[in-house]
Amino acid sequence: MRWLAAHDAATPALVVGASTSAASDLVRRVALERGAVFGWQRTTLARLAATLATPLLAEQGIAPLGALAREAIAQRVLAALRTRDALGRL
């Protein structure tokens, strides 16, 4: 927190937290101590990794799969298996 508090309030900074709200809490605490800050972005490690990987993934013609898409695919597979009576004990 000391490093961030010493950071210039108008210079962009990237604050990576365990969750977006954790990063926001840190920025809020620093802002309460020293006053307003501008251009400080908050993110999570997973979101940062996805952002950094996006250009390479796009180059290869692939895209990351979110939780909702994974669930939709699983539902389609289960529905297809159900129509074929192939679920077994599941």
N, C-alpha and C. Protein backbone atom coordinates (compact mmCIF):
# COMPACT_ATOMS: atom_id res chain seq x y z
N MET A 1 0.83 -1.18 0.00
CA MET A 1 0.00 0.00 0.00
C MET A 1 0.88 1.25 0.00
N ARG A 2 2.03 1.19 0.61
CA ARG A 2 2.92 2.36 0.64
C ARG A 2 3.36 2.76 -0.76
N TRP A 3 3.68 1.75 -1.59
CA TRP A 3 4.11 2.07 -2.95
C TRP A 3 3.00 2.79 -3.70
N LEU A 4 1.78 2.29 -3.57
CA LEU A 4 0.65 2.90 -4.27
C LEU A 4 0.36 4.29 -3.72
N ALA A 5 0.47 4.46 -2.43
CA ALA A 5 0.23 5.77 -1.83
C ALA A 5 1.28 6.78 -2.28
N ALA A 6 2.49 6.32 -2.58
CA ALA A 6 3.55 7.21 -3.04
C ALA A 6 3.46 7.48 -4.55
N HIS A 7 2.63 6.72 -5.23
CA HIS A 7 2.47 6.85 -6.69
C HIS A 7 1.76 8.16 -7.00
N ASP A 8 2.19 8.82 -8.06
CA ASP A 8 1.58 10.08 -8.47
C ASP A 8 0.10 9.87 -8.78
N ALA A 9 -0.75 10.75 -8.25
CA ALA A 9 -2.20 10.60 -8.37
C ALA A 9 -2.70 10.70 -9.80
N ALA A 10 -1.95 11.37 -10.68
CA ALA A 10 -2.39 11.56 -12.05
C ALA A 10 -1.71 10.61 -13.03
N THR A 11 -0.79 9.78 -12.56
CA THR A 11 -0.10 8.83 -13.42
C THR A 11 -0.85 7.51 -13.40
N PRO A 12 -1.13 6.93 -14.58
CA PRO A 12 -1.87 5.67 -14.60
C PRO A 12 -1.17 4.58 -13.80
N ALA A 13 -1.98 3.76 -13.14
CA ALA A 13 -1.47 2.62 -12.38
C ALA A 13 -2.44 1.46 -12.57
N LEU A 14 -1.91 0.26 -12.56
CA LEU A 14 -2.74 -0.94 -12.65
C LEU A 14 -2.67 -1.65 -11.31
N VAL A 15 -3.81 -1.77 -10.66
CA VAL A 15 -3.89 -2.41 -9.35
C VAL A 15 -4.54 -3.78 -9.55
N VAL A 16 -3.76 -4.85 -9.28
CA VAL A 16 -4.25 -6.21 -9.46
C VAL A 16 -4.57 -6.79 -8.10
N GLY A 17 -5.80 -7.27 -7.95
CA GLY A 17 -6.23 -7.83 -6.68
C GLY A 17 -6.80 -9.22 -6.84
N ALA A 18 -7.05 -9.89 -5.73
CA ALA A 18 -7.64 -11.22 -5.76
C ALA A 18 -9.04 -11.16 -6.38
N SER A 19 -9.71 -10.04 -6.19
CA SER A 19 -11.01 -9.79 -6.82
C SER A 19 -11.04 -8.31 -7.19
N THR A 20 -11.96 -7.95 -8.06
CA THR A 20 -12.08 -6.55 -8.45
C THR A 20 -12.42 -5.69 -7.23
N SER A 21 -13.26 -6.22 -6.37
CA SER A 21 -13.63 -5.44 -5.19
C SER A 21 -12.45 -5.27 -4.23
N ALA A 22 -11.56 -6.26 -4.15
CA ALA A 22 -10.37 -6.12 -3.30
C ALA A 22 -9.46 -5.03 -3.84
N ALA A 23 -9.27 -5.00 -5.17
CA ALA A 23 -8.46 -3.95 -5.78
C ALA A 23 -9.11 -2.58 -5.58
N SER A 24 -10.42 -2.52 -5.72
CA SER A 24 -11.16 -1.27 -5.51
C SER A 24 -11.03 -0.78 -4.08
N ASP A 25 -11.10 -1.72 -3.13
CA ASP A 25 -10.95 -1.35 -1.71
C ASP A 25 -9.58 -0.73 -1.45
N LEU A 26 -8.53 -1.31 -2.04
CA LEU A 26 -7.19 -0.77 -1.86
C LEU A 26 -7.10 0.65 -2.44
N VAL A 27 -7.59 0.83 -3.65
CA VAL A 27 -7.55 2.16 -4.27
C VAL A 27 -8.35 3.16 -3.43
N ARG A 28 -9.49 2.72 -2.94
CA ARG A 28 -10.32 3.59 -2.09
C ARG A 28 -9.59 4.00 -0.82
N ARG A 29 -8.91 3.03 -0.19
CA ARG A 29 -8.16 3.34 1.05
C ARG A 29 -7.06 4.36 0.78
N VAL A 30 -6.35 4.17 -0.34
CA VAL A 30 -5.28 5.11 -0.69
C VAL A 30 -5.88 6.49 -0.99
N ALA A 31 -6.98 6.53 -1.72
CA ALA A 31 -7.62 7.80 -2.07
C ALA A 31 -8.13 8.52 -0.83
N LEU A 32 -8.62 7.79 0.17
CA LEU A 32 -9.08 8.42 1.40
C LEU A 32 -7.92 9.06 2.16
N GLU A 33 -6.75 8.41 2.10
CA GLU A 33 -5.56 8.94 2.78
C GLU A 33 -4.99 10.18 2.10
N ARG A 34 -4.92 10.14 0.76
CA ARG A 34 -4.18 11.18 0.06
C ARG A 34 -5.02 12.05 -0.85
N GLY A 35 -6.28 11.71 -1.07
CA GLY A 35 -7.13 12.50 -1.97
C GLY A 35 -7.37 11.77 -3.28
N ALA A 36 -8.02 12.45 -4.18
CA ALA A 36 -8.44 11.85 -5.44
C ALA A 36 -7.26 11.35 -6.27
N VAL A 37 -7.53 10.29 -7.04
CA VAL A 37 -6.54 9.73 -7.97
C VAL A 37 -7.23 9.58 -9.33
N PHE A 38 -6.44 9.63 -10.40
CA PHE A 38 -6.99 9.55 -11.75
C PHE A 38 -6.24 8.52 -12.57
N GLY A 39 -6.96 7.72 -13.32
CA GLY A 39 -6.34 6.78 -14.24
C GLY A 39 -5.84 5.50 -13.61
N TRP A 40 -6.26 5.21 -12.40
CA TRP A 40 -5.85 3.97 -11.76
C TRP A 40 -6.88 2.90 -12.11
N GLN A 41 -6.43 1.86 -12.78
CA GLN A 41 -7.32 0.78 -13.18
C GLN A 41 -7.21 -0.37 -12.20
N ARG A 42 -8.33 -1.05 -12.00
CA ARG A 42 -8.37 -2.19 -11.09
C ARG A 42 -8.75 -3.43 -11.88
N THR A 43 -8.12 -4.54 -11.57
CA THR A 43 -8.41 -5.79 -12.27
C THR A 43 -8.02 -6.98 -11.40
N THR A 44 -8.30 -8.17 -11.91
CA THR A 44 -7.87 -9.40 -11.25
C THR A 44 -6.77 -10.03 -12.11
N LEU A 45 -6.05 -10.98 -11.54
CA LEU A 45 -4.99 -11.64 -12.28
C LEU A 45 -5.56 -12.40 -13.47
N ALA A 46 -6.69 -13.06 -13.29
CA ALA A 46 -7.31 -13.82 -14.39
C ALA A 46 -7.73 -12.89 -15.52
N ARG A 47 -8.33 -11.76 -15.18
CA ARG A 47 -8.76 -10.81 -16.21
C ARG A 47 -7.55 -10.20 -16.92
N LEU A 48 -6.50 -9.91 -16.18
CA LEU A 48 -5.28 -9.38 -16.79
C LEU A 48 -4.68 -10.39 -17.75
N ALA A 49 -4.63 -11.66 -17.35
CA ALA A 49 -4.10 -12.72 -18.21
C ALA A 49 -4.93 -12.83 -19.49
N ALA A 50 -6.25 -12.78 -19.36
CA ALA A 50 -7.12 -12.86 -20.53
C ALA A 50 -6.90 -11.67 -21.46
N THR A 51 -6.76 -10.48 -20.89
CA THR A 51 -6.53 -9.28 -21.69
C THR A 51 -5.22 -9.37 -22.45
N LEU A 52 -4.17 -9.84 -21.77
CA LEU A 52 -2.87 -9.95 -22.41
C LEU A 52 -2.85 -11.07 -23.46
N ALA A 53 -3.62 -12.12 -23.27
CA ALA A 53 -3.63 -13.25 -24.19
C ALA A 53 -4.52 -13.02 -25.41
N THR A 54 -5.45 -12.08 -25.33
CA THR A 54 -6.44 -11.89 -26.39
C THR A 54 -5.83 -11.67 -27.78
N PRO A 55 -4.81 -10.80 -27.95
CA PRO A 55 -4.26 -10.63 -29.30
C PRO A 55 -3.69 -11.93 -29.90
N LEU A 56 -2.98 -12.71 -29.10
CA LEU A 56 -2.42 -13.96 -29.59
C LEU A 56 -3.52 -14.96 -29.91
N LEU A 57 -4.54 -15.03 -29.05
CA LEU A 57 -5.66 -15.93 -29.31
C LEU A 57 -6.38 -15.54 -30.60
N ALA A 58 -6.59 -14.24 -30.80
CA ALA A 58 -7.26 -13.75 -32.01
C ALA A 58 -6.43 -14.08 -33.25
N GLU A 59 -5.12 -13.95 -33.15
CA GLU A 59 -4.22 -14.30 -34.25
C GLU A 59 -4.40 -15.75 -34.66
N GLN A 60 -4.63 -16.61 -33.67
CA GLN A 60 -4.78 -18.05 -33.92
C GLN A 60 -6.22 -18.44 -34.24
N GLY A 61 -7.13 -17.45 -34.22
CA GLY A 61 -8.52 -17.74 -34.54
C GLY A 61 -9.28 -18.45 -33.44
N ILE A 62 -8.82 -18.29 -32.20
CA ILE A 62 -9.51 -18.92 -31.07
C ILE A 62 -9.90 -17.84 -30.05
N ALA A 63 -10.81 -18.20 -29.18
CA ALA A 63 -11.28 -17.24 -28.18
C ALA A 63 -11.42 -17.95 -26.84
N PRO A 64 -11.22 -17.23 -25.74
CA PRO A 64 -11.41 -17.84 -24.43
C PRO A 64 -12.88 -18.20 -24.22
N LEU A 65 -13.12 -19.20 -23.43
CA LEU A 65 -14.47 -19.67 -23.16
C LEU A 65 -14.85 -19.29 -21.73
N GLY A 66 -15.92 -18.54 -21.59
CA GLY A 66 -16.38 -18.12 -20.27
C GLY A 66 -17.22 -19.20 -19.60
N ALA A 67 -17.55 -18.96 -18.36
CA ALA A 67 -18.30 -19.93 -17.56
C ALA A 67 -19.68 -20.21 -18.16
N LEU A 68 -20.36 -19.18 -18.64
CA LEU A 68 -21.70 -19.36 -19.20
C LEU A 68 -21.64 -20.23 -20.45
N ALA A 69 -20.64 -20.00 -21.30
CA ALA A 69 -20.50 -20.81 -22.52
C ALA A 69 -20.18 -22.26 -22.18
N ARG A 70 -19.31 -22.47 -21.18
CA ARG A 70 -19.00 -23.84 -20.76
C ARG A 70 -20.25 -24.56 -20.27
N GLU A 71 -21.06 -23.85 -19.50
CA GLU A 71 -22.29 -24.46 -18.98
C GLU A 71 -23.25 -24.78 -20.12
N ALA A 72 -23.35 -23.89 -21.10
CA ALA A 72 -24.23 -24.13 -22.25
C ALA A 72 -23.79 -25.36 -23.03
N ILE A 73 -22.49 -25.51 -23.24
CA ILE A 73 -21.97 -26.68 -23.96
C ILE A 73 -22.27 -27.95 -23.18
N ALA A 74 -22.05 -27.92 -21.87
CA ALA A 74 -22.34 -29.09 -21.04
C ALA A 74 -23.82 -29.46 -21.12
N GLN A 75 -24.70 -28.47 -21.10
CA GLN A 75 -26.14 -28.73 -21.21
C GLN A 75 -26.49 -29.38 -22.54
N ARG A 76 -25.87 -28.89 -23.63
CA ARG A 76 -26.13 -29.47 -24.95
C ARG A 76 -25.66 -30.92 -25.03
N VAL A 77 -24.50 -31.20 -24.45
CA VAL A 77 -23.98 -32.57 -24.46
C VAL A 77 -24.92 -33.47 -23.67
N LEU A 78 -25.33 -33.02 -22.49
CA LEU A 78 -26.25 -33.83 -21.68
C LEU A 78 -27.58 -34.05 -22.38
N ALA A 79 -28.10 -33.03 -23.04
CA ALA A 79 -29.37 -33.16 -23.77
C ALA A 79 -29.23 -34.17 -24.91
N ALA A 80 -28.10 -34.11 -25.63
CA ALA A 80 -27.87 -35.06 -26.73
C ALA A 80 -27.77 -36.48 -26.19
N LEU A 81 -27.06 -36.66 -25.09
CA LEU A 81 -26.93 -37.99 -24.49
C LEU A 81 -28.27 -38.51 -23.99
N ARG A 82 -29.08 -37.61 -23.43
CA ARG A 82 -30.39 -38.00 -22.90
C ARG A 82 -31.28 -38.50 -24.03
N THR A 83 -31.27 -37.83 -25.19
CA THR A 83 -32.13 -38.26 -26.31
C THR A 83 -31.70 -39.62 -26.85
N ARG A 84 -30.45 -39.98 -26.67
CA ARG A 84 -29.94 -41.29 -27.13
C ARG A 84 -29.98 -42.34 -26.03
N ASP A 85 -30.52 -41.97 -24.89
CA ASP A 85 -30.54 -42.87 -23.72
C ASP A 85 -29.14 -43.34 -23.36
N ALA A 86 -28.17 -42.43 -23.43
CA ALA A 86 -26.78 -42.79 -23.20
C ALA A 86 -26.21 -42.21 -21.91
N LEU A 87 -27.07 -41.74 -21.02
CA LEU A 87 -26.59 -41.15 -19.78
C LEU A 87 -26.17 -42.19 -18.75
N GLY A 88 -26.69 -43.36 -18.84
CA GLY A 88 -26.33 -44.39 -17.86
C GLY A 88 -26.81 -43.98 -16.47
N ARG A 89 -25.97 -44.16 -15.46
CA ARG A 89 -26.34 -43.85 -14.09
C ARG A 89 -26.29 -42.37 -13.77
N LEU A 90 -25.79 -41.57 -14.69
CA LEU A 90 -25.69 -40.14 -14.47
C LEU A 90 -27.06 -39.55 -14.25
